[in-house]
Amino acid sequence: SPYFRGNSFSAGDSYIASVANGSDGPGNATTYLRAAMSHHVLHVL
């Protein structure tokens, strides 16, 4: 997506990118909630 901040922006973004490129995942509700929180906190800061 055009709004993705890149895999180096936060631990959450790194996880999402890793699942997307096949190096991690597939994950579950808990791991994606963790990723969402990580990205949100870094975004706000």
ModelCIF file with pLDDT and N, C-alpha, C, O atoms, coordinates in Angstrom:
data_MODEL
#
_entry.id   MODEL 
#
_entity.id                         1 
_entity.type                       polymer 
_entity.pdbx_number_of_molecules   1 
#
_entity_poly.entity_id                      1 
_entity_poly.type                           'polypeptide(L)' 
_entity_poly.nstd_linkage                   no 
_entity_poly.nstd_monomer                   no 
_entity_poly.pdbx_seq_one_letter_code       SPYFRGNSFSAGDSYIASVANGSDGPGNATTYLRAAMSHHVLHVL 
_entity_poly.pdbx_seq_one_letter_code_can   SPYFRGNSFSAGDSYIASVANGSDGPGNATTYLRAAMSHHVLHVL 
_entity_poly.pdbx_strand_id                 A 
#
loop_
_entity_poly_seq.entity_id 
_entity_poly_seq.num 
_entity_poly_seq.mon_id 
_entity_poly_seq.hetero 
1 1  SER n 
1 2  PRO n 
1 3  TYR n 
1 4  PHE n 
1 5  ARG n 
1 6  GLY n 
1 7  ASN n 
1 8  SER n 
1 9  PHE n 
1 10 SER n 
1 11 ALA n 
1 12 GLY n 
1 13 ASP n 
1 14 SER n 
1 15 TYR n 
1 16 ILE n 
1 17 ALA n 
1 18 SER n 
1 19 VAL n 
1 20 ALA n 
1 21 ASN n 
1 22 GLY n 
1 23 SER n 
1 24 ASP n 
1 25 GLY n 
1 26 PRO n 
1 27 GLY n 
1 28 ASN n 
1 29 ALA n 
1 30 THR n 
1 31 THR n 
1 32 TYR n 
1 33 LEU n 
1 34 ARG n 
1 35 ALA n 
1 36 ALA n 
1 37 MET n 
1 38 SER n 
1 39 HIS n 
1 40 HIS n 
1 41 VAL n 
1 42 LEU n 
1 43 HIS n 
1 44 VAL n 
1 45 LEU n 
#
_struct_asym.id          A 
_struct_asym.entity_id   1 
#
loop_
_ma_qa_metric.id 
_ma_qa_metric.mode 
_ma_qa_metric.name 
_ma_qa_metric.software_group_id 
_ma_qa_metric.type 
1 global pLDDT . pLDDT 
2 local  pLDDT . pLDDT 
#
_ma_qa_metric_global.metric_id      1 
_ma_qa_metric_global.metric_value   97.20 
_ma_qa_metric_global.model_id       1 
_ma_qa_metric_global.ordinal_id     1 
#
loop_
_ma_qa_metric_local.label_asym_id 
_ma_qa_metric_local.label_comp_id 
_ma_qa_metric_local.label_seq_id 
_ma_qa_metric_local.metric_id 
_ma_qa_metric_local.metric_value 
_ma_qa_metric_local.model_id 
_ma_qa_metric_local.ordinal_id 
A SER 1  2 98.00 1 1  
A PRO 2  2 98.00 1 2  
A TYR 3  2 98.00 1 3  
A PHE 4  2 98.00 1 4  
A ARG 5  2 97.00 1 5  
A GLY 6  2 97.00 1 6  
A ASN 7  2 96.00 1 7  
A SER 8  2 97.00 1 8  
A PHE 9  2 98.00 1 9  
A SER 10 2 98.00 1 10 
A ALA 11 2 98.00 1 11 
A GLY 12 2 98.00 1 12 
A ASP 13 2 98.00 1 13 
A SER 14 2 98.00 1 14 
A TYR 15 2 98.00 1 15 
A ILE 16 2 98.00 1 16 
A ALA 17 2 98.00 1 17 
A SER 18 2 98.00 1 18 
A VAL 19 2 98.00 1 19 
A ALA 20 2 98.00 1 20 
A ASN 21 2 97.00 1 21 
A GLY 22 2 97.00 1 22 
A SER 23 2 97.00 1 23 
A ASP 24 2 96.00 1 24 
A GLY 25 2 91.00 1 25 
A PRO 26 2 97.00 1 26 
A GLY 27 2 96.00 1 27 
A ASN 28 2 96.00 1 28 
A ALA 29 2 94.00 1 29 
A THR 30 2 94.00 1 30 
A THR 31 2 97.00 1 31 
A TYR 32 2 97.00 1 32 
A LEU 33 2 96.00 1 33 
A ARG 34 2 97.00 1 34 
A ALA 35 2 98.00 1 35 
A ALA 36 2 98.00 1 36 
A MET 37 2 98.00 1 37 
A SER 38 2 98.00 1 38 
A HIS 39 2 98.00 1 39 
A HIS 40 2 98.00 1 40 
A VAL 41 2 98.00 1 41 
A LEU 42 2 98.00 1 42 
A HIS 43 2 98.00 1 43 
A VAL 44 2 98.00 1 44 
A LEU 45 2 97.00 1 45 
#
loop_
_atom_site.group_PDB 
_atom_site.id 
_atom_site.type_symbol 
_atom_site.label_atom_id 
_atom_site.label_alt_id 
_atom_site.label_comp_id 
_atom_site.label_asym_id 
_atom_site.label_entity_id 
_atom_site.label_seq_id 
_atom_site.pdbx_PDB_ins_code 
_atom_site.Cartn_x 
_atom_site.Cartn_y 
_atom_site.Cartn_z 
_atom_site.occupancy 
_atom_site.B_iso_or_equiv 
_atom_site.pdbx_formal_charge 
_atom_site.auth_seq_id 
_atom_site.auth_comp_id 
_atom_site.auth_asym_id 
_atom_site.auth_atom_id 
_atom_site.pdbx_PDB_model_num 
ATOM 1   N N  . SER A 1 1  ? 0.828  -1.213  0.000  1.00 98.00 ? 1  SER A N  1 
ATOM 2   C CA . SER A 1 1  ? 0.000  0.000   0.000  1.00 98.00 ? 1  SER A CA 1 
ATOM 3   C C  . SER A 1 1  ? 0.857  1.255   0.000  1.00 98.00 ? 1  SER A C  1 
ATOM 4   O O  . SER A 1 1  ? 1.996  1.210   0.464  1.00 98.00 ? 1  SER A O  1 
ATOM 5   N N  . PRO A 1 2  ? 0.346  2.380   -0.508 1.00 98.00 ? 2  PRO A N  1 
ATOM 6   C CA . PRO A 1 2  ? 1.125  3.624   -0.537 1.00 98.00 ? 2  PRO A CA 1 
ATOM 7   C C  . PRO A 1 2  ? 1.379  4.216   0.837  1.00 98.00 ? 2  PRO A C  1 
ATOM 8   O O  . PRO A 1 2  ? 2.266  5.055   0.994  1.00 98.00 ? 2  PRO A O  1 
ATOM 9   N N  . TYR A 1 3  ? 0.604  3.787   1.843  1.00 98.00 ? 3  TYR A N  1 
ATOM 10  C CA . TYR A 1 3  ? 0.774  4.340   3.188  1.00 98.00 ? 3  TYR A CA 1 
ATOM 11  C C  . TYR A 1 3  ? 1.667  3.472   4.077  1.00 98.00 ? 3  TYR A C  1 
ATOM 12  O O  . TYR A 1 3  ? 1.901  3.826   5.232  1.00 98.00 ? 3  TYR A O  1 
ATOM 13  N N  . PHE A 1 4  ? 2.165  2.353   3.569  1.00 98.00 ? 4  PHE A N  1 
ATOM 14  C CA . PHE A 1 4  ? 3.078  1.519   4.366  1.00 98.00 ? 4  PHE A CA 1 
ATOM 15  C C  . PHE A 1 4  ? 4.372  2.291   4.601  1.00 98.00 ? 4  PHE A C  1 
ATOM 16  O O  . PHE A 1 4  ? 4.948  2.843   3.663  1.00 98.00 ? 4  PHE A O  1 
ATOM 17  N N  . ARG A 1 5  ? 4.827  2.331   5.848  1.00 97.00 ? 5  ARG A N  1 
ATOM 18  C CA . ARG A 1 5  ? 5.969  3.164   6.219  1.00 97.00 ? 5  ARG A CA 1 
ATOM 19  C C  . ARG A 1 5  ? 7.320  2.493   5.986  1.00 97.00 ? 5  ARG A C  1 
ATOM 20  O O  . ARG A 1 5  ? 8.361  3.121   6.181  1.00 97.00 ? 5  ARG A O  1 
ATOM 21  N N  . GLY A 1 6  ? 7.317  1.242   5.577  1.00 97.00 ? 6  GLY A N  1 
ATOM 22  C CA . GLY A 1 6  ? 8.572  0.555   5.315  1.00 97.00 ? 6  GLY A CA 1 
ATOM 23  C C  . GLY A 1 6  ? 8.968  -0.368  6.453  1.00 97.00 ? 6  GLY A C  1 
ATOM 24  O O  . GLY A 1 6  ? 8.568  -0.161  7.599  1.00 97.00 ? 6  GLY A O  1 
ATOM 25  N N  . ASN A 1 7  ? 9.752  -1.387  6.136  1.00 96.00 ? 7  ASN A N  1 
ATOM 26  C CA . ASN A 1 7  ? 10.050 -2.415  7.140  1.00 96.00 ? 7  ASN A CA 1 
ATOM 27  C C  . ASN A 1 7  ? 10.951 -1.922  8.259  1.00 96.00 ? 7  ASN A C  1 
ATOM 28  O O  . ASN A 1 7  ? 11.055 -2.583  9.292  1.00 96.00 ? 7  ASN A O  1 
ATOM 29  N N  . SER A 1 8  ? 11.611 -0.774  8.083  1.00 97.00 ? 8  SER A N  1 
ATOM 30  C CA . SER A 1 8  ? 12.492 -0.267  9.135  1.00 97.00 ? 8  SER A CA 1 
ATOM 31  C C  . SER A 1 8  ? 11.804 0.724   10.062 1.00 97.00 ? 8  SER A C  1 
ATOM 32  O O  . SER A 1 8  ? 12.420 1.207   11.012 1.00 97.00 ? 8  SER A O  1 
ATOM 33  N N  . PHE A 1 9  ? 10.536 1.036   9.803  1.00 98.00 ? 9  PHE A N  1 
ATOM 34  C CA . PHE A 1 9  ? 9.870  2.075   10.596 1.00 98.00 ? 9  PHE A CA 1 
ATOM 35  C C  . PHE A 1 9  ? 9.623  1.623   12.029 1.00 98.00 ? 9  PHE A C  1 
ATOM 36  O O  . PHE A 1 9  ? 9.875  2.379   12.968 1.00 98.00 ? 9  PHE A O  1 
ATOM 37  N N  . SER A 1 10 ? 9.139  0.416   12.206 1.00 98.00 ? 10 SER A N  1 
ATOM 38  C CA . SER A 1 10 ? 8.853  -0.102  13.545 1.00 98.00 ? 10 SER A CA 1 
ATOM 39  C C  . SER A 1 10 ? 8.971  -1.614  13.515 1.00 98.00 ? 10 SER A C  1 
ATOM 40  O O  . SER A 1 10 ? 9.045  -2.225  12.449 1.00 98.00 ? 10 SER A O  1 
ATOM 41  N N  . ALA A 1 11 ? 8.989  -2.211  14.699 1.00 98.00 ? 11 ALA A N  1 
ATOM 42  C CA . ALA A 1 11 ? 9.007  -3.678  14.768 1.00 98.00 ? 11 ALA A CA 1 
ATOM 43  C C  . ALA A 1 11 ? 7.767  -4.264  14.121 1.00 98.00 ? 11 ALA A C  1 
ATOM 44  O O  . ALA A 1 11 ? 7.827  -5.325  13.499 1.00 98.00 ? 11 ALA A O  1 
ATOM 45  N N  . GLY A 1 12 ? 6.634  -3.573  14.267 1.00 98.00 ? 12 GLY A N  1 
ATOM 46  C CA . GLY A 1 12 ? 5.402  -4.053  13.645 1.00 98.00 ? 12 GLY A CA 1 
ATOM 47  C C  . GLY A 1 12 ? 5.478  -4.026  12.136 1.00 98.00 ? 12 GLY A C  1 
ATOM 48  O O  . GLY A 1 12 ? 5.050  -4.972  11.475 1.00 98.00 ? 12 GLY A O  1 
ATOM 49  N N  . ASP A 1 13 ? 6.027  -2.933  11.572 1.00 98.00 ? 13 ASP A N  1 
ATOM 50  C CA . ASP A 1 13 ? 6.177  -2.851  10.120 1.00 98.00 ? 13 ASP A CA 1 
ATOM 51  C C  . ASP A 1 13 ? 7.145  -3.914  9.618  1.00 98.00 ? 13 ASP A C  1 
ATOM 52  O O  . ASP A 1 13 ? 6.924  -4.510  8.563  1.00 98.00 ? 13 ASP A O  1 
ATOM 53  N N  . SER A 1 14 ? 8.220  -4.154  10.373 1.00 98.00 ? 14 SER A N  1 
ATOM 54  C CA . SER A 1 14 ? 9.185  -5.178  9.989  1.00 98.00 ? 14 SER A CA 1 
ATOM 55  C C  . SER A 1 14 ? 8.528  -6.546  9.942  1.00 98.00 ? 14 SER A C  1 
ATOM 56  O O  . SER A 1 14 ? 8.799  -7.338  9.039  1.00 98.00 ? 14 SER A O  1 
ATOM 57  N N  . TYR A 1 15 ? 7.661  -6.829  10.913 1.00 98.00 ? 15 TYR A N  1 
ATOM 58  C CA . TYR A 1 15 ? 6.980  -8.124  10.937 1.00 98.00 ? 15 TYR A CA 1 
ATOM 59  C C  . TYR A 1 15 ? 6.055  -8.275  9.735  1.00 98.00 ? 15 TYR A C  1 
ATOM 60  O O  . TYR A 1 15 ? 6.050  -9.315  9.076  1.00 98.00 ? 15 TYR A O  1 
ATOM 61  N N  . ILE A 1 16 ? 5.270  -7.231  9.449  1.00 98.00 ? 16 ILE A N  1 
ATOM 62  C CA . ILE A 1 16 ? 4.351  -7.286  8.310  1.00 98.00 ? 16 ILE A CA 1 
ATOM 63  C C  . ILE A 1 16 ? 5.124  -7.513  7.011  1.00 98.00 ? 16 ILE A C  1 
ATOM 64  O O  . ILE A 1 16 ? 4.722  -8.324  6.177  1.00 98.00 ? 16 ILE A O  1 
ATOM 65  N N  . ALA A 1 17 ? 6.231  -6.795  6.845  1.00 98.00 ? 17 ALA A N  1 
ATOM 66  C CA . ALA A 1 17 ? 7.052  -6.959  5.640  1.00 98.00 ? 17 ALA A CA 1 
ATOM 67  C C  . ALA A 1 17 ? 7.628  -8.363  5.556  1.00 98.00 ? 17 ALA A C  1 
ATOM 68  O O  . ALA A 1 17 ? 7.716  -8.935  4.469  1.00 98.00 ? 17 ALA A O  1 
ATOM 69  N N  . SER A 1 18 ? 8.020  -8.923  6.697  1.00 98.00 ? 18 SER A N  1 
ATOM 70  C CA . SER A 1 18 ? 8.596  -10.263 6.703  1.00 98.00 ? 18 SER A CA 1 
ATOM 71  C C  . SER A 1 18 ? 7.567  -11.321 6.316  1.00 98.00 ? 18 SER A C  1 
ATOM 72  O O  . SER A 1 18 ? 7.884  -12.280 5.612  1.00 98.00 ? 18 SER A O  1 
ATOM 73  N N  . VAL A 1 19 ? 6.336  -11.139 6.781  1.00 98.00 ? 19 VAL A N  1 
ATOM 74  C CA . VAL A 1 19 ? 5.279  -12.077 6.371  1.00 98.00 ? 19 VAL A CA 1 
ATOM 75  C C  . VAL A 1 19 ? 5.004  -11.918 4.879  1.00 98.00 ? 19 VAL A C  1 
ATOM 76  O O  . VAL A 1 19 ? 4.808  -12.905 4.169  1.00 98.00 ? 19 VAL A O  1 
ATOM 77  N N  . ALA A 1 20 ? 4.990  -10.679 4.411  1.00 98.00 ? 20 ALA A N  1 
ATOM 78  C CA . ALA A 1 20 ? 4.704  -10.413 3.003  1.00 98.00 ? 20 ALA A CA 1 
ATOM 79  C C  . ALA A 1 20 ? 5.748  -11.043 2.087  1.00 98.00 ? 20 ALA A C  1 
ATOM 80  O O  . ALA A 1 20 ? 5.417  -11.517 1.000  1.00 98.00 ? 20 ALA A O  1 
ATOM 81  N N  . ASN A 1 21 ? 7.013  -11.049 2.524  1.00 97.00 ? 21 ASN A N  1 
ATOM 82  C CA . ASN A 1 21 ? 8.052  -11.612 1.639  1.00 97.00 ? 21 ASN A CA 1 
ATOM 83  C C  . ASN A 1 21 ? 8.342  -13.086 1.925  1.00 97.00 ? 21 ASN A C  1 
ATOM 84  O O  . ASN A 1 21 ? 9.227  -13.684 1.313  1.00 97.00 ? 21 ASN A O  1 
ATOM 85  N N  . GLY A 1 22 ? 7.590  -13.660 2.858  1.00 97.00 ? 22 GLY A N  1 
ATOM 86  C CA . GLY A 1 22 ? 7.698  -15.090 3.104  1.00 97.00 ? 22 GLY A CA 1 
ATOM 87  C C  . GLY A 1 22 ? 8.759  -15.511 4.087  1.00 97.00 ? 22 GLY A C  1 
ATOM 88  O O  . GLY A 1 22 ? 8.974  -16.709 4.272  1.00 97.00 ? 22 GLY A O  1 
ATOM 89  N N  . SER A 1 23 ? 9.440  -14.563 4.733  1.00 97.00 ? 23 SER A N  1 
ATOM 90  C CA . SER A 1 23 ? 10.496 -14.921 5.678  1.00 97.00 ? 23 SER A CA 1 
ATOM 91  C C  . SER A 1 23 ? 9.979  -15.104 7.105  1.00 97.00 ? 23 SER A C  1 
ATOM 92  O O  . SER A 1 23 ? 10.748 -15.474 7.992  1.00 97.00 ? 23 SER A O  1 
ATOM 93  N N  . ASP A 1 24 ? 8.705  -14.853 7.337  1.00 96.00 ? 24 ASP A N  1 
ATOM 94  C CA . ASP A 1 24 ? 8.102  -15.035 8.656  1.00 96.00 ? 24 ASP A CA 1 
ATOM 95  C C  . ASP A 1 24 ? 6.628  -15.339 8.439  1.00 96.00 ? 24 ASP A C  1 
ATOM 96  O O  . ASP A 1 24 ? 6.115  -15.317 7.319  1.00 96.00 ? 24 ASP A O  1 
ATOM 97  N N  . GLY A 1 25 ? 5.960  -15.627 9.573  1.00 91.00 ? 25 GLY A N  1 
ATOM 98  C CA . GLY A 1 25 ? 4.524  -15.814 9.499  1.00 91.00 ? 25 GLY A CA 1 
ATOM 99  C C  . GLY A 1 25 ? 4.111  -17.270 9.355  1.00 91.00 ? 25 GLY A C  1 
ATOM 100 O O  . GLY A 1 25 ? 4.949  -18.165 9.462  1.00 91.00 ? 25 GLY A O  1 
ATOM 101 N N  . PRO A 1 26 ? 2.823  -17.515 9.113  1.00 97.00 ? 26 PRO A N  1 
ATOM 102 C CA . PRO A 1 26 ? 1.804  -16.534 8.731  1.00 97.00 ? 26 PRO A CA 1 
ATOM 103 C C  . PRO A 1 26 ? 1.277  -15.673 9.871  1.00 97.00 ? 26 PRO A C  1 
ATOM 104 O O  . PRO A 1 26 ? 0.651  -14.645 9.611  1.00 97.00 ? 26 PRO A O  1 
ATOM 105 N N  . GLY A 1 27 ? 1.508  -16.057 11.128 1.00 96.00 ? 27 GLY A N  1 
ATOM 106 C CA . GLY A 1 27 ? 1.059  -15.268 12.258 1.00 96.00 ? 27 GLY A CA 1 
ATOM 107 C C  . GLY A 1 27 ? -0.376 -15.549 12.652 1.00 96.00 ? 27 GLY A C  1 
ATOM 108 O O  . GLY A 1 27 ? -1.039 -16.411 12.076 1.00 96.00 ? 27 GLY A O  1 
ATOM 109 N N  . ASN A 1 28 ? -0.846 -14.806 13.646 1.00 96.00 ? 28 ASN A N  1 
ATOM 110 C CA . ASN A 1 28 ? -2.202 -14.998 14.156 1.00 96.00 ? 28 ASN A CA 1 
ATOM 111 C C  . ASN A 1 28 ? -2.722 -13.667 14.705 1.00 96.00 ? 28 ASN A C  1 
ATOM 112 O O  . ASN A 1 28 ? -2.057 -12.638 14.586 1.00 96.00 ? 28 ASN A O  1 
ATOM 113 N N  . ALA A 1 29 ? -3.898 -13.695 15.299 1.00 94.00 ? 29 ALA A N  1 
ATOM 114 C CA . ALA A 1 29 ? -4.512 -12.455 15.780 1.00 94.00 ? 29 ALA A CA 1 
ATOM 115 C C  . ALA A 1 29 ? -3.614 -11.727 16.771 1.00 94.00 ? 29 ALA A C  1 
ATOM 116 O O  . ALA A 1 29 ? -3.550 -10.497 16.762 1.00 94.00 ? 29 ALA A O  1 
ATOM 117 N N  . THR A 1 30 ? -2.923 -12.471 17.623 1.00 94.00 ? 30 THR A N  1 
ATOM 118 C CA . THR A 1 30 ? -2.066 -11.845 18.634 1.00 94.00 ? 30 THR A CA 1 
ATOM 119 C C  . THR A 1 30 ? -0.859 -11.168 18.004 1.00 94.00 ? 30 THR A C  1 
ATOM 120 O O  . THR A 1 30 ? -0.520 -10.045 18.376 1.00 94.00 ? 30 THR A O  1 
ATOM 121 N N  . THR A 1 31 ? -0.205 -11.831 17.056 1.00 97.00 ? 31 THR A N  1 
ATOM 122 C CA . THR A 1 31 ? 0.996  -11.235 16.463 1.00 97.00 ? 31 THR A CA 1 
ATOM 123 C C  . THR A 1 31 ? 0.652  -9.992  15.657 1.00 97.00 ? 31 THR A C  1 
ATOM 124 O O  . THR A 1 31 ? 1.447  -9.053  15.609 1.00 97.00 ? 31 THR A O  1 
ATOM 125 N N  . TYR A 1 32 ? -0.514 -9.967  15.022 1.00 97.00 ? 32 TYR A N  1 
ATOM 126 C CA . TYR A 1 32 ? -0.878 -8.778  14.237 1.00 97.00 ? 32 TYR A CA 1 
ATOM 127 C C  . TYR A 1 32 ? -1.394 -7.648  15.116 1.00 97.00 ? 32 TYR A C  1 
ATOM 128 O O  . TYR A 1 32 ? -1.254 -6.477  14.764 1.00 97.00 ? 32 TYR A O  1 
ATOM 129 N N  . LEU A 1 33 ? -1.989 -7.986  16.254 1.00 96.00 ? 33 LEU A N  1 
ATOM 130 C CA . LEU A 1 33 ? -2.329 -6.933  17.212 1.00 96.00 ? 33 LEU A CA 1 
ATOM 131 C C  . LEU A 1 33 ? -1.057 -6.303  17.757 1.00 96.00 ? 33 LEU A C  1 
ATOM 132 O O  . LEU A 1 33 ? -0.972 -5.083  17.899 1.00 96.00 ? 33 LEU A O  1 
ATOM 133 N N  . ARG A 1 34 ? -0.068 -7.139  18.062 1.00 97.00 ? 34 ARG A N  1 
ATOM 134 C CA . ARG A 1 34 ? 1.221  -6.632  18.528 1.00 97.00 ? 34 ARG A CA 1 
ATOM 135 C C  . ARG A 1 34 ? 1.866  -5.725  17.470 1.00 97.00 ? 34 ARG A C  1 
ATOM 136 O O  . ARG A 1 34 ? 2.411  -4.669  17.793 1.00 97.00 ? 34 ARG A O  1 
ATOM 137 N N  . ALA A 1 35 ? 1.797  -6.150  16.210 1.00 98.00 ? 35 ALA A N  1 
ATOM 138 C CA . ALA A 1 35 ? 2.367  -5.347  15.123 1.00 98.00 ? 35 ALA A CA 1 
ATOM 139 C C  . ALA A 1 35 ? 1.635  -4.019  14.988 1.00 98.00 ? 35 ALA A C  1 
ATOM 140 O O  . ALA A 1 35 ? 2.256  -2.976  14.783 1.00 98.00 ? 35 ALA A O  1 
ATOM 141 N N  . ALA A 1 36 ? 0.303  -4.065  15.106 1.00 98.00 ? 36 ALA A N  1 
ATOM 142 C CA . ALA A 1 36 ? -0.491 -2.838  14.976 1.00 98.00 ? 36 ALA A CA 1 
ATOM 143 C C  . ALA A 1 36 ? -0.172 -1.853  16.094 1.00 98.00 ? 36 ALA A C  1 
ATOM 144 O O  . ALA A 1 36 ? -0.061 -0.650  15.859 1.00 98.00 ? 36 ALA A O  1 
ATOM 145 N N  . MET A 1 37 ? -0.025 -2.367  17.304 1.00 98.00 ? 37 MET A N  1 
ATOM 146 C CA . MET A 1 37 ? 0.308  -1.496  18.431 1.00 98.00 ? 37 MET A CA 1 
ATOM 147 C C  . MET A 1 37 ? 1.705  -0.896  18.263 1.00 98.00 ? 37 MET A C  1 
ATOM 148 O O  . MET A 1 37 ? 1.911  0.291   18.514 1.00 98.00 ? 37 MET A O  1 
ATOM 149 N N  . SER A 1 38 ? 2.652  -1.716  17.842 1.00 98.00 ? 38 SER A N  1 
ATOM 150 C CA . SER A 1 38 ? 4.017  -1.242  17.627 1.00 98.00 ? 38 SER A CA 1 
ATOM 151 C C  . SER A 1 38 ? 4.034  -0.118  16.601 1.00 98.00 ? 38 SER A C  1 
ATOM 152 O O  . SER A 1 38 ? 4.637  0.931   16.829 1.00 98.00 ? 38 SER A O  1 
ATOM 153 N N  . HIS A 1 39 ? 3.369  -0.341  15.470 1.00 98.00 ? 39 HIS A N  1 
ATOM 154 C CA . HIS A 1 39 ? 3.342  0.693   14.434 1.00 98.00 ? 39 HIS A CA 1 
ATOM 155 C C  . HIS A 1 39 ? 2.646  1.953   14.933 1.00 98.00 ? 39 HIS A C  1 
ATOM 156 O O  . HIS A 1 39 ? 3.119  3.062   14.684 1.00 98.00 ? 39 HIS A O  1 
ATOM 157 N N  . HIS A 1 40 ? 1.521  1.790   15.639 1.00 98.00 ? 40 HIS A N  1 
ATOM 158 C CA . HIS A 1 40 ? 0.770  2.958   16.107 1.00 98.00 ? 40 HIS A CA 1 
ATOM 159 C C  . HIS A 1 40 ? 1.611  3.834   17.027 1.00 98.00 ? 40 HIS A C  1 
ATOM 160 O O  . HIS A 1 40 ? 1.660  5.053   16.862 1.00 98.00 ? 40 HIS A O  1 
ATOM 161 N N  . VAL A 1 41 ? 2.270  3.209   17.990 1.00 98.00 ? 41 VAL A N  1 
ATOM 162 C CA . VAL A 1 41 ? 3.075  3.980   18.946 1.00 98.00 ? 41 VAL A CA 1 
ATOM 163 C C  . VAL A 1 41 ? 4.181  4.749   18.222 1.00 98.00 ? 41 VAL A C  1 
ATOM 164 O O  . VAL A 1 41 ? 4.394  5.929   18.501 1.00 98.00 ? 41 VAL A O  1 
ATOM 165 N N  . LEU A 1 42 ? 4.879  4.098   17.303 1.00 98.00 ? 42 LEU A N  1 
ATOM 166 C CA . LEU A 1 42 ? 5.945  4.778   16.577 1.00 98.00 ? 42 LEU A CA 1 
ATOM 167 C C  . LEU A 1 42 ? 5.386  5.858   15.664 1.00 98.00 ? 42 LEU A C  1 
ATOM 168 O O  . LEU A 1 42 ? 6.003  6.911   15.499 1.00 98.00 ? 42 LEU A O  1 
ATOM 169 N N  . HIS A 1 43 ? 4.229  5.608   15.071 1.00 98.00 ? 43 HIS A N  1 
ATOM 170 C CA . HIS A 1 43 ? 3.592  6.607   14.206 1.00 98.00 ? 43 HIS A CA 1 
ATOM 171 C C  . HIS A 1 43 ? 3.273  7.874   15.000 1.00 98.00 ? 43 HIS A C  1 
ATOM 172 O O  . HIS A 1 43 ? 3.589  8.982   14.566 1.00 98.00 ? 43 HIS A O  1 
ATOM 173 N N  . VAL A 1 44 ? 2.646  7.702   16.161 1.00 98.00 ? 44 VAL A N  1 
ATOM 174 C CA . VAL A 1 44 ? 2.270  8.859   16.973 1.00 98.00 ? 44 VAL A CA 1 
ATOM 175 C C  . VAL A 1 44 ? 3.510  9.613   17.458 1.00 98.00 ? 44 VAL A C  1 
ATOM 176 O O  . VAL A 1 44 ? 3.549  10.842  17.403 1.00 98.00 ? 44 VAL A O  1 
ATOM 177 N N  . LEU A 1 45 ? 4.515  8.886   17.929 1.00 97.00 ? 45 LEU A N  1 
ATOM 178 C CA . LEU A 1 45 ? 5.738  9.544   18.396 1.00 97.00 ? 45 LEU A CA 1 
ATOM 179 C C  . LEU A 1 45 ? 6.432  10.298  17.261 1.00 97.00 ? 45 LEU A C  1 
ATOM 180 O O  . LEU A 1 45 ? 7.478  10.910  17.476 1.00 97.00 ? 45 LEU A O  1 
#
